[in-house]
Amino acid sequence: MLDLDNELKVGAEFWNFLGGEGAYQDLLDCFERVGIELRDEIDEYFSRFNM
C-alpha cells in the first residue's frame, strides 16, 4: 500500500518536487519552444508512419 500524500507524486507535483516550485511549467515551456522550433523536422519524421 502507498501513502498517496507522501509516496506518490505525478505530473506537476513530481516535477516541482524535483526542481522546485515552477519546475513543471518551465519544463512545459521548454518542450513547447523546442516543438515550435523543430515542427517541420518532427512532422517530417512522423509522416513516415502515416498510412
PDB file of N, CA and C in Angstrom:
ATOM      1  N   MET A   1       0.833  -1.184   0.000  1.00  0.00           N
ATOM      2  CA  MET A   1       0.000   0.000   0.000  1.00  0.00           C
ATOM      3  C   MET A   1       0.874   1.242   0.000  1.00  0.00           C
ATOM      4  N   LEU A   2       0.425   2.242  -0.716  1.00  0.00           N
ATOM      5  CA  LEU A   2       1.149   3.504  -0.782  1.00  0.00           C
ATOM      6  C   LEU A   2       0.462   4.563   0.065  1.00  0.00           C
ATOM      7  N   ASP A   3       1.264   5.378   0.692  1.00  0.00           N
ATOM      8  CA  ASP A   3       0.762   6.572   1.356  1.00  0.00           C
ATOM      9  C   ASP A   3       0.725   7.653   0.280  1.00  0.00           C
ATOM     10  N   LEU A   4      -0.424   7.850  -0.372  1.00  0.00           N
ATOM     11  CA  LEU A   4      -0.531   8.705  -1.548  1.00  0.00           C
ATOM     12  C   LEU A   4      -0.068  10.137  -1.299  1.00  0.00           C
ATOM     13  N   ASP A   5      -0.222  10.628  -0.092  1.00  0.00           N
ATOM     14  CA  ASP A   5       0.189  12.004   0.197  1.00  0.00           C
ATOM     15  C   ASP A   5       1.702  12.154   0.295  1.00  0.00           C
ATOM     16  N   ASN A   6       2.402  11.073   0.632  1.00  0.00           N
ATOM     17  CA  ASN A   6       3.842  11.172   0.872  1.00  0.00           C
ATOM     18  C   ASN A   6       4.715  10.316  -0.034  1.00  0.00           C
ATOM     19  N   GLU A   7       4.141   9.354  -0.750  1.00  0.00           N
ATOM     20  CA  GLU A   7       4.956   8.412  -1.501  1.00  0.00           C
ATOM     21  C   GLU A   7       4.698   8.406  -3.007  1.00  0.00           C
ATOM     22  N   LEU A   8       3.662   9.051  -3.470  1.00  0.00           N
ATOM     23  CA  LEU A   8       3.343   9.016  -4.888  1.00  0.00           C
ATOM     24  C   LEU A   8       3.165  10.429  -5.411  1.00  0.00           C
ATOM     25  N   LYS A   9       3.984  10.783  -6.380  1.00  0.00           N
ATOM     26  CA  LYS A   9       3.881  12.102  -6.990  1.00  0.00           C
ATOM     27  C   LYS A   9       3.877  11.919  -8.504  1.00  0.00           C
ATOM     28  N   VAL A  10       2.971  12.613  -9.182  1.00  0.00           N
ATOM     29  CA  VAL A  10       2.887  12.559 -10.639  1.00  0.00           C
ATOM     30  C   VAL A  10       2.679  13.972 -11.169  1.00  0.00           C
ATOM     31  N   GLY A  11       2.994  14.153 -12.443  1.00  0.00           N
ATOM     32  CA  GLY A  11       2.749  15.428 -13.106  1.00  0.00           C
ATOM     33  C   GLY A  11       3.448  16.586 -12.428  1.00  0.00           C
ATOM     34  N   ALA A  12       2.736  17.675 -12.264  1.00  0.00           N
ATOM     35  CA  ALA A  12       3.303  18.901 -11.694  1.00  0.00           C
ATOM     36  C   ALA A  12       3.883  18.654 -10.306  1.00  0.00           C
ATOM     37  N   GLU A  13       3.189  17.887  -9.509  1.00  0.00           N
ATOM     38  CA  GLU A  13       3.666  17.624  -8.152  1.00  0.00           C
ATOM     39  C   GLU A  13       5.039  16.952  -8.174  1.00  0.00           C
ATOM     40  N   PHE A  14       5.252  15.996  -9.085  1.00  0.00           N
ATOM     41  CA  PHE A  14       6.521  15.289  -9.200  1.00  0.00           C
ATOM     42  C   PHE A  14       7.640  16.236  -9.631  1.00  0.00           C
ATOM     43  N   TRP A  15       7.421  16.970 -10.741  1.00  0.00           N
ATOM     44  CA  TRP A  15       8.477  17.833 -11.270  1.00  0.00           C
ATOM     45  C   TRP A  15       8.782  18.997 -10.349  1.00  0.00           C
ATOM     46  N   ASN A  16       7.779  19.551  -9.701  1.00  0.00           N
ATOM     47  CA  ASN A  16       8.027  20.634  -8.746  1.00  0.00           C
ATOM     48  C   ASN A  16       8.755  20.118  -7.505  1.00  0.00           C
ATOM     49  N   PHE A  17       8.517  18.883  -7.125  1.00  0.00           N
ATOM     50  CA  PHE A  17       9.245  18.264  -6.014  1.00  0.00           C
ATOM     51  C   PHE A  17      10.725  18.142  -6.369  1.00  0.00           C
ATOM     52  N   LEU A  18      11.010  17.714  -7.610  1.00  0.00           N
ATOM     53  CA  LEU A  18      12.400  17.538  -8.038  1.00  0.00           C
ATOM     54  C   LEU A  18      13.110  18.868  -8.268  1.00  0.00           C
ATOM     55  N   GLY A  19      12.435  19.787  -8.944  1.00  0.00           N
ATOM     56  CA  GLY A  19      13.098  21.006  -9.396  1.00  0.00           C
ATOM     57  C   GLY A  19      12.713  22.273  -8.689  1.00  0.00           C
ATOM     58  N   GLY A  20      11.808  22.192  -7.754  1.00  0.00           N
ATOM     59  CA  GLY A  20      11.345  23.389  -7.061  1.00  0.00           C
ATOM     60  C   GLY A  20      10.085  23.948  -7.687  1.00  0.00           C
ATOM     61  N   GLU A  21       9.464  24.841  -6.976  1.00  0.00           N
ATOM     62  CA  GLU A  21       8.201  25.437  -7.421  1.00  0.00           C
ATOM     63  C   GLU A  21       8.381  26.062  -8.805  1.00  0.00           C
ATOM     64  N   GLY A  22       7.496  25.721  -9.723  1.00  0.00           N
ATOM     65  CA  GLY A  22       7.528  26.253 -11.080  1.00  0.00           C
ATOM     66  C   GLY A  22       8.297  25.395 -12.071  1.00  0.00           C
ATOM     67  N   ALA A  23       8.955  24.337 -11.600  1.00  0.00           N
ATOM     68  CA  ALA A  23       9.751  23.490 -12.487  1.00  0.00           C
ATOM     69  C   ALA A  23       8.889  22.828 -13.556  1.00  0.00           C
ATOM     70  N   TYR A  24       7.691  22.410 -13.200  1.00  0.00           N
ATOM     71  CA  TYR A  24       6.812  21.743 -14.164  1.00  0.00           C
ATOM     72  C   TYR A  24       6.449  22.699 -15.302  1.00  0.00           C
ATOM     73  N   GLN A  25       6.086  23.927 -14.971  1.00  0.00           N
ATOM     74  CA  GLN A  25       5.735  24.899 -16.006  1.00  0.00           C
ATOM     75  C   GLN A  25       6.950  25.228 -16.865  1.00  0.00           C
ATOM     76  N   ASP A  26       8.119  25.343 -16.245  1.00  0.00           N
ATOM     77  CA  ASP A  26       9.347  25.583 -17.015  1.00  0.00           C
ATOM     78  C   ASP A  26       9.590  24.449 -18.005  1.00  0.00           C
ATOM     79  N   LEU A  27       9.387  23.225 -17.569  1.00  0.00           N
ATOM     80  CA  LEU A  27       9.577  22.064 -18.430  1.00  0.00           C
ATOM     81  C   LEU A  27       8.599  22.090 -19.606  1.00  0.00           C
ATOM     82  N   LEU A  28       7.346  22.398 -19.328  1.00  0.00           N
ATOM     83  CA  LEU A  28       6.352  22.503 -20.404  1.00  0.00           C
ATOM     84  C   LEU A  28       6.725  23.598 -21.394  1.00  0.00           C
ATOM     85  N   ASP A  29       7.203  24.718 -20.882  1.00  0.00           N
ATOM     86  CA  ASP A  29       7.606  25.830 -21.753  1.00  0.00           C
ATOM     87  C   ASP A  29       8.770  25.419 -22.658  1.00  0.00           C
ATOM     88  N   CYS A  30       9.734  24.677 -22.117  1.00  0.00           N
ATOM     89  CA  CYS A  30      10.867  24.201 -22.917  1.00  0.00           C
ATOM     90  C   CYS A  30      10.398  23.287 -24.040  1.00  0.00           C
ATOM     91  N   PHE A  31       9.517  22.345 -23.714  1.00  0.00           N
ATOM     92  CA  PHE A  31       9.000  21.432 -24.736  1.00  0.00           C
ATOM     93  C   PHE A  31       8.229  22.192 -25.808  1.00  0.00           C
ATOM     94  N   GLU A  32       7.479  23.201 -25.406  1.00  0.00           N
ATOM     95  CA  GLU A  32       6.723  23.984 -26.379  1.00  0.00           C
ATOM     96  C   GLU A  32       7.659  24.741 -27.324  1.00  0.00           C
ATOM     97  N   ARG A  33       8.675  25.408 -26.766  1.00  0.00           N
ATOM     98  CA  ARG A  33       9.618  26.162 -27.599  1.00  0.00           C
ATOM     99  C   ARG A  33      10.349  25.253 -28.587  1.00  0.00           C
ATOM    100  N   VAL A  34      10.820  24.113 -28.108  1.00  0.00           N
ATOM    101  CA  VAL A  34      11.528  23.177 -28.982  1.00  0.00           C
ATOM    102  C   VAL A  34      10.578  22.622 -30.039  1.00  0.00           C
ATOM    103  N   GLY A  35       9.348  22.314 -29.630  1.00  0.00           N
ATOM    104  CA  GLY A  35       8.359  21.802 -30.577  1.00  0.00           C
ATOM    105  C   GLY A  35       8.058  22.779 -31.694  1.00  0.00           C
ATOM    106  N   ILE A  36       7.959  24.056 -31.341  1.00  0.00           N
ATOM    107  CA  ILE A  36       7.700  25.089 -32.355  1.00  0.00           C
ATOM    108  C   ILE A  36       8.902  25.217 -33.281  1.00  0.00           C
ATOM    109  N   GLU A  37      10.100  25.244 -32.695  1.00  0.00           N
ATOM    110  CA  GLU A  37      11.320  25.408 -33.486  1.00  0.00           C
ATOM    111  C   GLU A  37      11.563  24.226 -34.426  1.00  0.00           C
ATOM    112  N   LEU A  38      11.256  23.025 -33.977  1.00  0.00           N
ATOM    113  CA  LEU A  38      11.550  21.823 -34.764  1.00  0.00           C
ATOM    114  C   LEU A  38      10.316  21.225 -35.431  1.00  0.00           C
ATOM    115  N   ARG A  39       9.255  21.988 -35.539  1.00  0.00           N
ATOM    116  CA  ARG A  39       7.980  21.496 -36.054  1.00  0.00           C
ATOM    117  C   ARG A  39       8.123  20.781 -37.397  1.00  0.00           C
ATOM    118  N   ASP A  40       8.814  21.398 -38.329  1.00  0.00           N
ATOM    119  CA  ASP A  40       8.954  20.796 -39.662  1.00  0.00           C
ATOM    120  C   ASP A  40       9.691  19.459 -39.589  1.00  0.00           C
ATOM    121  N   GLU A  41      10.751  19.410 -38.813  1.00  0.00           N
ATOM    122  CA  GLU A  41      11.507  18.163 -38.658  1.00  0.00           C
ATOM    123  C   GLU A  41      10.664  17.068 -38.011  1.00  0.00           C
ATOM    124  N   ILE A  42       9.924  17.440 -36.991  1.00  0.00           N
ATOM    125  CA  ILE A  42       9.069  16.486 -36.280  1.00  0.00           C
ATOM    126  C   ILE A  42       7.989  15.958 -37.217  1.00  0.00           C
ATOM    127  N   ASP A  43       7.343  16.864 -37.953  1.00  0.00           N
ATOM    128  CA  ASP A  43       6.300  16.452 -38.900  1.00  0.00           C
ATOM    129  C   ASP A  43       6.854  15.518 -39.968  1.00  0.00           C
ATOM    130  N   GLU A  44       8.047  15.843 -40.474  1.00  0.00           N
ATOM    131  CA  GLU A  44       8.669  15.003 -41.493  1.00  0.00           C
ATOM    132  C   GLU A  44       8.951  13.600 -40.946  1.00  0.00           C
ATOM    133  N   TYR A  45       9.476  13.542 -39.739  1.00  0.00           N
ATOM    134  CA  TYR A  45       9.777  12.247 -39.123  1.00  0.00           C
ATOM    135  C   TYR A  45       8.514  11.392 -38.976  1.00  0.00           C
ATOM    136  N   PHE A  46       7.466  11.988 -38.441  1.00  0.00           N
ATOM    137  CA  PHE A  46       6.250  11.216 -38.189  1.00  0.00           C
ATOM    138  C   PHE A  46       5.436  10.946 -39.450  1.00  0.00           C
ATOM    139  N   SER A  47       5.712  11.667 -40.525  1.00  0.00           N
ATOM    140  CA  SER A  47       4.991  11.415 -41.777  1.00  0.00           C
ATOM    141  C   SER A  47       5.297  10.005 -42.303  1.00  0.00           C
ATOM    142  N   ARG A  48       6.415   9.433 -41.904  1.00  0.00           N
ATOM    143  CA  ARG A  48       6.760   8.066 -42.316  1.00  0.00           C
ATOM    144  C   ARG A  48       5.784   7.024 -41.758  1.00  0.00           C
ATOM    145  N   PHE A  49       5.102   7.382 -40.682  1.00  0.00           N
ATOM    146  CA  PHE A  49       4.219   6.431 -40.011  1.00  0.00           C
ATOM    147  C   PHE A  49       2.759   6.608 -40.386  1.00  0.00           C
ATOM    148  N   ASN A  50       2.438   7.654 -41.139  1.00  0.00           N
ATOM    149  CA  ASN A  50       1.052   7.853 -41.579  1.00  0.00           C
ATOM    150  C   ASN A  50       0.744   6.892 -42.720  1.00  0.00           C
ATOM    151  N   MET A  51      -0.359   6.217 -42.588  1.00  0.00           N
ATOM    152  CA  MET A  51      -0.730   5.251 -43.625  1.00  0.00           C
ATOM    153  C   MET A  51      -2.051   5.596 -44.226  1.00  0.00           C
TER     154      MET A  51
END
